[in-house]
Amino acid sequence: QVQLVESGGGLVQAGGSLRLSCAASGSIFSINTMDWYRQDPGKQRELVASITSGGTTVYAEAVKGRFTISRDNAKNTVYLQMSSLKPEDTAVYYCRLRQRIYEYWGQGTQVTVSS
């Protein structure tokens, strides 16, 4: 089994920064992909950014140039550095781990950006 624990969410003013962390534990394979998703109430969950164990990254257009995803493979941890935050970035942010045919989700962390 795999457990994911997110941290780092909170309340920030527009233009500010936050750093999210997601620590994975359990049966982690060396080849995997870790993603950040977000979901606003009443909306679909959307991909924010993704990073493979080899370091290849993908970003949603809405966050390109403002968010940076990174990972520490030794710690099985993925980070999301969020800068120039906007009110529309307000959502619950979820971490996902994909390995082989399996996927695992964290419990989510709330990010609220005030205008």
Protein backbone atom coordinates (compact mmCIF):
# COMPACT_ATOMS: atom_id res chain seq x y z
CA GLN A 1 0.00 0.00 0.00
CA VAL A 2 0.95 3.61 -0.51
CA GLN A 3 0.08 6.62 1.61
CA LEU A 4 0.35 10.24 0.49
CA VAL A 5 0.34 13.14 2.93
CA GLU A 6 0.10 16.72 1.65
CA SER A 7 1.06 19.80 3.62
CA GLY A 8 1.74 23.48 3.11
CA GLY A 9 -1.67 24.84 2.20
CA GLY A 10 -3.12 27.94 3.76
CA LEU A 11 -4.40 31.46 3.24
CA VAL A 12 -2.33 33.91 1.23
CA GLN A 13 -2.91 37.27 -0.40
CA ALA A 14 -2.94 37.63 -4.16
CA GLY A 15 0.60 37.93 -5.47
CA GLY A 16 1.97 35.83 -2.64
CA SER A 17 3.63 32.42 -2.60
CA LEU A 18 3.09 29.03 -1.04
CA ARG A 19 4.97 25.76 -1.18
CA LEU A 20 3.08 22.48 -1.05
CA SER A 21 4.69 19.18 -0.14
CA CYS A 22 3.49 15.62 -0.63
CA ALA A 23 5.32 12.78 1.08
CA ALA A 24 4.74 9.24 -0.14
CA SER A 25 5.34 6.16 1.97
CA GLY A 26 4.85 2.43 1.54
CA SER A 27 5.59 0.36 -1.54
CA ILE A 28 7.08 2.98 -3.85
CA PHE A 29 8.58 1.81 -7.13
CA SER A 30 11.58 3.62 -8.57
CA ILE A 31 9.70 4.49 -11.76
CA ASN A 32 6.60 6.56 -11.12
CA THR A 33 4.92 9.85 -11.83
CA MET A 34 3.69 12.30 -9.23
CA ASP A 35 1.05 14.88 -10.00
CA TRP A 36 -0.65 17.84 -8.39
CA TYR A 37 -4.34 18.32 -9.08
CA ARG A 38 -6.76 20.91 -7.77
CA GLN A 39 -10.49 21.08 -7.35
CA ASP A 40 -12.82 23.95 -6.63
CA PRO A 41 -16.30 23.09 -5.29
CA GLY A 42 -18.68 22.42 -8.16
CA LYS A 43 -15.85 22.00 -10.67
CA GLN A 44 -13.96 19.07 -12.06
CA ARG A 45 -10.62 18.13 -10.62
CA GLU A 46 -7.90 19.45 -12.95
CA LEU A 47 -4.25 18.63 -13.45
CA VAL A 48 -1.92 21.39 -12.29
CA ALA A 49 1.50 19.84 -12.85
CA SER A 50 3.16 16.47 -13.25
CA ILE A 51 6.70 15.15 -12.82
CA THR A 52 8.18 11.76 -13.65
CA SER A 53 10.85 10.02 -11.60
CA GLY A 54 13.25 11.05 -14.38
CA GLY A 55 12.37 14.71 -13.92
CA THR A 56 10.18 15.36 -16.95
CA THR A 57 7.54 17.98 -16.12
CA VAL A 58 4.19 19.04 -17.51
CA TYR A 59 2.20 22.12 -16.50
CA ALA A 60 -1.32 23.33 -17.06
CA GLU A 61 -1.41 26.50 -19.16
CA ALA A 62 -3.02 28.42 -16.30
CA VAL A 63 0.01 27.96 -14.04
CA LYS A 64 2.95 28.02 -16.47
CA GLY A 65 5.57 30.50 -15.39
CA ARG A 66 4.09 30.81 -11.89
CA PHE A 67 4.23 27.28 -10.44
CA THR A 68 7.19 24.92 -10.28
CA ILE A 69 6.95 21.21 -9.56
CA SER A 70 9.98 19.34 -8.22
CA ARG A 71 10.72 16.13 -6.38
CA ASP A 72 13.21 14.48 -4.09
CA ASN A 73 13.35 10.83 -5.08
CA ALA A 74 15.35 9.86 -2.00
CA LYS A 75 12.54 11.19 0.19
CA ASN A 76 9.68 10.15 -2.14
CA THR A 77 8.43 13.70 -1.87
CA VAL A 78 7.03 16.05 -4.49
CA TYR A 79 6.78 19.82 -4.11
CA LEU A 80 4.74 22.52 -5.74
CA GLN A 81 6.19 26.02 -5.46
CA MET A 82 3.40 28.47 -6.23
CA SER A 83 4.19 32.12 -6.89
CA SER A 84 2.21 35.13 -8.11
CA LEU A 85 -0.90 33.48 -6.73
CA LYS A 86 -4.28 34.61 -7.97
CA PRO A 87 -7.74 34.27 -6.40
CA GLU A 88 -8.62 31.78 -9.13
CA ASP A 89 -5.89 29.47 -7.77
CA THR A 90 -8.10 28.91 -4.72
CA ALA A 91 -8.90 25.19 -4.49
CA VAL A 92 -8.16 21.99 -2.65
CA TYR A 93 -4.86 20.67 -3.98
CA TYR A 94 -4.37 16.93 -4.23
CA CYS A 95 -1.27 14.86 -4.78
CA ARG A 96 -1.39 11.71 -6.91
CA LEU A 97 1.18 8.96 -7.38
CA ARG A 98 1.04 6.73 -10.45
CA GLN A 99 3.11 3.57 -10.71
CA ARG A 100 2.51 0.64 -13.04
CA ILE A 101 -1.27 0.20 -13.20
CA TYR A 102 -1.89 1.76 -9.79
CA GLU A 103 -2.72 5.25 -8.65
CA TYR A 104 -2.95 6.72 -5.17
CA TRP A 105 -4.33 10.02 -3.91
CA GLY A 106 -3.65 12.17 -0.90
CA GLN A 107 -6.34 13.72 1.26
CA GLY A 108 -5.86 17.22 -0.14
CA THR A 109 -4.76 20.55 1.27
CA GLN A 110 -6.73 23.80 1.02
CA VAL A 111 -5.18 26.80 -0.70
CA THR A 112 -7.09 30.07 -0.43
CA VAL A 113 -5.92 33.21 -2.21
CA SER A 114 -7.57 36.44 -1.13
CA SER A 115 -7.87 39.46 -3.41
